[in-house]
Every structure is written in C-alpha cells, then in structure tokens.
Amino acid sequence: MQTLFILLLAGAVLATLFVLTKGVIGMANGADFSGARSQGLMRKRVLYQAVAIFLAVILMMMGSSA
C-alpha cells in the first residue's frame, strides 16, 4: 500500500514540476501568455502541490503507525 502512495506522490510532484516549468519557460520566452492562461497554470500548480502534500501526510501517518 505504501508503494502505491509513493508512486502517487512522485506523480503529483512531477506534475507540479511540469506545470511550474511550463509557466516559467513561457514567461521567460515572452510568449503570449494571457492572464487567464497564467492563472490556469498557477491553479493547476497549487492543486498538484496540495495533492502532493496530502499524500505525503498520509505516508507519514502510515509510517508512524507501523
């Protein structure tokens, strides 16, 4: 069960990194980023971070009960 949560956590972290990198590269290149697109990327990043934190907390709780 812990292995599943570790894989899910890794996926959430990678998704966060991908969205963050996509936004930073887009802004650095001066791409035509509208406010709505920028907000959408930021919301996705925050969502993925929240999922990663939630999974990390579950993993720590599972580890402390063992």
C-alpha atoms as a PDB file:
ATOM      1  CA  MET A   1       0.000   0.000   0.000  1.00  0.00           C
ATOM      2  CA  GLN A   2       2.856   2.366   0.807  1.00  0.00           C
ATOM      3  CA  THR A   3       4.352   1.729  -2.620  1.00  0.00           C
ATOM      4  CA  LEU A   4       1.140   2.937  -4.254  1.00  0.00           C
ATOM      5  CA  PHE A   5       1.183   6.153  -2.217  1.00  0.00           C
ATOM      6  CA  ILE A   6       4.856   6.701  -3.028  1.00  0.00           C
ATOM      7  CA  LEU A   7       4.132   6.344  -6.748  1.00  0.00           C
ATOM      8  CA  LEU A   8       1.155   8.688  -6.491  1.00  0.00           C
ATOM      9  CA  LEU A   9       3.288  11.191  -4.574  1.00  0.00           C
ATOM     10  CA  ALA A  10       6.007  11.013  -7.226  1.00  0.00           C
ATOM     11  CA  GLY A  11       3.391  11.597  -9.922  1.00  0.00           C
ATOM     12  CA  ALA A  12       1.999  14.634  -8.110  1.00  0.00           C
ATOM     13  CA  VAL A  13       5.481  16.077  -7.627  1.00  0.00           C
ATOM     14  CA  LEU A  14       6.349  15.542 -11.286  1.00  0.00           C
ATOM     15  CA  ALA A  15       3.061  17.111 -12.383  1.00  0.00           C
ATOM     16  CA  THR A  16       3.794  20.135 -10.190  1.00  0.00           C
ATOM     17  CA  LEU A  17       7.291  20.424 -11.617  1.00  0.00           C
ATOM     18  CA  PHE A  18       5.991  20.137 -15.183  1.00  0.00           C
ATOM     19  CA  VAL A  19       3.368  22.869 -14.775  1.00  0.00           C
ATOM     20  CA  LEU A  20       5.826  25.136 -12.955  1.00  0.00           C
ATOM     21  CA  THR A  21       8.474  24.660 -15.640  1.00  0.00           C
ATOM     22  CA  LYS A  22       5.946  25.249 -18.406  1.00  0.00           C
ATOM     23  CA  GLY A  23       4.895  28.545 -16.837  1.00  0.00           C
ATOM     24  CA  VAL A  24       8.426  29.761 -16.128  1.00  0.00           C
ATOM     25  CA  ILE A  25       9.681  28.926 -19.616  1.00  0.00           C
ATOM     26  CA  GLY A  26       6.657  30.553 -21.196  1.00  0.00           C
ATOM     27  CA  MET A  27       7.170  33.744 -19.233  1.00  0.00           C
ATOM     28  CA  ALA A  28      10.934  33.764 -19.857  1.00  0.00           C
ATOM     29  CA  ASN A  29      10.432  33.422 -23.603  1.00  0.00           C
ATOM     30  CA  GLY A  30       7.997  36.300 -23.557  1.00  0.00           C
ATOM     31  CA  ALA A  31       5.321  34.093 -25.023  1.00  0.00           C
ATOM     32  CA  ASP A  32       1.854  35.492 -25.418  1.00  0.00           C
ATOM     33  CA  PHE A  33       0.570  34.453 -22.010  1.00  0.00           C
ATOM     34  CA  SER A  34      -2.811  35.901 -21.273  1.00  0.00           C
ATOM     35  CA  GLY A  35      -3.862  36.452 -17.698  1.00  0.00           C
ATOM     36  CA  ALA A  36      -6.328  33.591 -17.931  1.00  0.00           C
ATOM     37  CA  ARG A  37      -3.677  31.145 -19.131  1.00  0.00           C
ATOM     38  CA  SER A  38      -1.259  32.227 -16.413  1.00  0.00           C
ATOM     39  CA  GLN A  39      -3.970  31.874 -13.764  1.00  0.00           C
ATOM     40  CA  GLY A  40      -4.878  28.439 -15.094  1.00  0.00           C
ATOM     41  CA  LEU A  41      -1.298  27.227 -14.813  1.00  0.00           C
ATOM     42  CA  MET A  42      -0.992  28.664 -11.314  1.00  0.00           C
ATOM     43  CA  ARG A  43      -4.195  26.964 -10.188  1.00  0.00           C
ATOM     44  CA  LYS A  44      -3.021  23.621 -11.569  1.00  0.00           C
ATOM     45  CA  ARG A  45       0.310  24.012  -9.793  1.00  0.00           C
ATOM     46  CA  VAL A  46      -1.368  24.781  -6.480  1.00  0.00           C
ATOM     47  CA  LEU A  47      -3.749  21.833  -6.917  1.00  0.00           C
ATOM     48  CA  TYR A  48      -0.890  19.422  -7.653  1.00  0.00           C
ATOM     49  CA  GLN A  49       1.053  20.762  -4.676  1.00  0.00           C
ATOM     50  CA  ALA A  50      -1.949  20.230  -2.410  1.00  0.00           C
ATOM     51  CA  VAL A  51      -2.317  16.645  -3.634  1.00  0.00           C
ATOM     52  CA  ALA A  52       1.402  16.033  -3.053  1.00  0.00           C
ATOM     53  CA  ILE A  53       1.226  17.417   0.489  1.00  0.00           C
ATOM     54  CA  PHE A  54      -1.889  15.366   1.244  1.00  0.00           C
ATOM     55  CA  LEU A  55      -0.192  12.178   0.021  1.00  0.00           C
ATOM     56  CA  ALA A  56       2.974  12.982   1.988  1.00  0.00           C
ATOM     57  CA  VAL A  57       0.933  13.412   5.159  1.00  0.00           C
ATOM     58  CA  ILE A  58      -0.818  10.080   4.569  1.00  0.00           C
ATOM     59  CA  LEU A  59       2.557   8.394   4.042  1.00  0.00           C
ATOM     60  CA  MET A  60       3.916   9.854   7.273  1.00  0.00           C
ATOM     61  CA  MET A  61       0.834   8.719   9.166  1.00  0.00           C
ATOM     62  CA  MET A  62       1.190   5.212   7.708  1.00  0.00           C
ATOM     63  CA  GLY A  63       4.855   5.141   8.685  1.00  0.00           C
ATOM     64  CA  SER A  64       4.236   6.232  12.254  1.00  0.00           C
ATOM     65  CA  SER A  65       1.566   3.584  12.837  1.00  0.00           C
ATOM     66  CA  ALA A  66       3.783   0.714  11.695  1.00  0.00           C
END
